[in-house]
C-alpha atoms as a PDB file:
ATOM      1  CA  UNK A   1     -56.779 -88.323-115.918  1.00  0.00           C
ATOM      2  CA  UNK A   2     -59.583 -90.419-114.459  1.00  0.00           C
ATOM      3  CA  UNK A   3     -60.110 -91.731-110.980  1.00  0.00           C
ATOM      4  CA  UNK A   4     -59.073 -95.148-109.755  1.00  0.00           C
ATOM      5  CA  UNK A   5     -61.713 -97.550-108.437  1.00  0.00           C
ATOM      6  CA  UNK A   6     -61.079-100.889-106.794  1.00  0.00           C
ATOM      7  CA  UNK A   7     -63.690-103.611-107.266  1.00  0.00           C
ATOM      8  CA  UNK A   8     -64.009-107.209-106.120  1.00  0.00           C
ATOM      9  CA  UNK A   9     -65.012-109.731-108.762  1.00  0.00           C
ATOM     10  CA  UNK A  10     -66.130-113.310-108.338  1.00  0.00           C
ATOM     11  CA  UNK A  11     -63.509-115.872-109.309  1.00  0.00           C
ATOM     12  CA  UNK A  12     -65.500-116.939-112.360  1.00  0.00           C
ATOM     13  CA  UNK A  13     -65.850-113.388-113.706  1.00  0.00           C
ATOM     14  CA  UNK A  14     -62.200-112.622-112.967  1.00  0.00           C
ATOM     15  CA  UNK A  15     -61.156-115.785-114.825  1.00  0.00           C
ATOM     16  CA  UNK A  16     -63.305-114.924-117.831  1.00  0.00           C
ATOM     17  CA  UNK A  17     -61.952-111.388-117.881  1.00  0.00           C
ATOM     18  CA  UNK A  18     -58.374-112.667-117.652  1.00  0.00           C
ATOM     19  CA  UNK A  19     -58.909-115.104-120.515  1.00  0.00           C
ATOM     20  CA  UNK A  20     -60.539-112.443-122.710  1.00  0.00           C
ATOM     21  CA  UNK A  21     -57.705-110.067-121.949  1.00  0.00           C
ATOM     22  CA  UNK A  22     -55.064-112.635-122.854  1.00  0.00           C
ATOM     23  CA  UNK A  23     -56.790-113.715-126.067  1.00  0.00           C
ATOM     24  CA  UNK A  24     -57.322-110.162-127.326  1.00  0.00           C
ATOM     25  CA  UNK A  25     -54.157-108.623-125.895  1.00  0.00           C
ATOM     26  CA  UNK A  26     -56.170-105.813-124.363  1.00  0.00           C
ATOM     27  CA  UNK A  27     -56.032-104.643-120.773  1.00  0.00           C
ATOM     28  CA  UNK A  28     -58.694-105.914-118.385  1.00  0.00           C
ATOM     29  CA  UNK A  29     -59.475-102.289-117.561  1.00  0.00           C
ATOM     30  CA  UNK A  30     -60.470-101.767-121.211  1.00  0.00           C
ATOM     31  CA  UNK A  31     -63.249-104.342-120.891  1.00  0.00           C
ATOM     32  CA  UNK A  32     -64.374-103.078-117.486  1.00  0.00           C
ATOM     33  CA  UNK A  33     -64.722 -99.560-118.947  1.00  0.00           C
ATOM     34  CA  UNK A  34     -66.572-100.925-121.985  1.00  0.00           C
ATOM     35  CA  UNK A  35     -69.023-102.776-119.755  1.00  0.00           C
ATOM     36  CA  UNK A  36     -69.637 -99.745-117.552  1.00  0.00           C
ATOM     37  CA  UNK A  37     -70.079 -97.432-120.539  1.00  0.00           C
ATOM     38  CA  UNK A  38     -72.423 -99.903-122.191  1.00  0.00           C
ATOM     39  CA  UNK A  39     -74.791-100.269-119.268  1.00  0.00           C
ATOM     40  CA  UNK A  40     -74.461 -97.104-117.210  1.00  0.00           C
ATOM     41  CA  UNK A  41     -77.093 -95.106-119.115  1.00  0.00           C
ATOM     42  CA  UNK A  42     -79.591 -97.968-118.836  1.00  0.00           C
ATOM     43  CA  UNK A  43     -79.036 -98.494-115.104  1.00  0.00           C
ATOM     44  CA  UNK A  44     -79.189 -94.759-114.438  1.00  0.00           C
ATOM     45  CA  UNK A  45     -82.440 -94.459-116.414  1.00  0.00           C
ATOM     46  CA  UNK A  46     -83.958 -97.340-114.445  1.00  0.00           C
ATOM     47  CA  UNK A  47     -83.196 -95.675-111.121  1.00  0.00           C
ATOM     48  CA  UNK A  48     -84.522 -92.326-112.328  1.00  0.00           C
ATOM     49  CA  UNK A  49     -87.715 -94.063-113.458  1.00  0.00           C
ATOM     50  CA  UNK A  50     -88.127 -95.633-110.031  1.00  0.00           C
ATOM     51  CA  UNK A  51     -87.666 -92.238-108.395  1.00  0.00           C
ATOM     52  CA  UNK A  52     -90.408 -90.807-110.602  1.00  0.00           C
ATOM     53  CA  UNK A  53     -92.725 -93.713-109.821  1.00  0.00           C
ATOM     54  CA  UNK A  54     -92.193 -93.139-106.110  1.00  0.00           C
ATOM     55  CA  UNK A  55     -92.888 -89.413-106.402  1.00  0.00           C
ATOM     56  CA  UNK A  56     -96.010 -88.821-104.315  1.00  0.00           C
ATOM     57  CA  UNK A  57     -96.941 -85.743-106.380  1.00  0.00           C
ATOM     58  CA  UNK A  58     -96.799 -87.581-109.708  1.00  0.00           C
ATOM     59  CA  UNK A  59     -99.924 -87.731-111.828  1.00  0.00           C
ATOM     60  CA  UNK A  60    -100.706 -91.030-113.510  1.00  0.00           C
ATOM     61  CA  UNK A  61    -102.863 -91.446-116.598  1.00  0.00           C
ATOM     62  CA  UNK A  62    -104.893 -94.388-117.766  1.00  0.00           C
ATOM     63  CA  UNK A  63    -104.530 -95.687-121.303  1.00  0.00           C
ATOM     64  CA  UNK A  64    -107.922 -94.197-122.092  1.00  0.00           C
ATOM     65  CA  UNK A  65    -106.831 -90.758-120.845  1.00  0.00           C
ATOM     66  CA  UNK A  66    -103.607 -90.902-122.872  1.00  0.00           C
ATOM     67  CA  UNK A  67    -105.456 -91.907-126.045  1.00  0.00           C
ATOM     68  CA  UNK A  68    -107.917 -89.049-125.520  1.00  0.00           C
ATOM     69  CA  UNK A  69    -105.134 -86.522-124.886  1.00  0.00           C
ATOM     70  CA  UNK A  70    -103.214 -87.688-127.979  1.00  0.00           C
ATOM     71  CA  UNK A  71    -106.419 -87.946-130.028  1.00  0.00           C
ATOM     72  CA  UNK A  72    -105.776 -91.565-130.970  1.00  0.00           C
END
């Protein structure tokens, strides 16, 4: 069994979610889970990328250096 999470939605988003739920006869939680599953990997990757960019020990390469290394 999963964990329960309470969130606060704007009125407009809550209304849209309610309407979608009614029209499709699916639970609102179904759509919330779909949205989270659809975007979680992307958001997580973005934050990991930012962490790497902020790493003071990171080495950065110019386009010229990359082309030379890859023999392009």
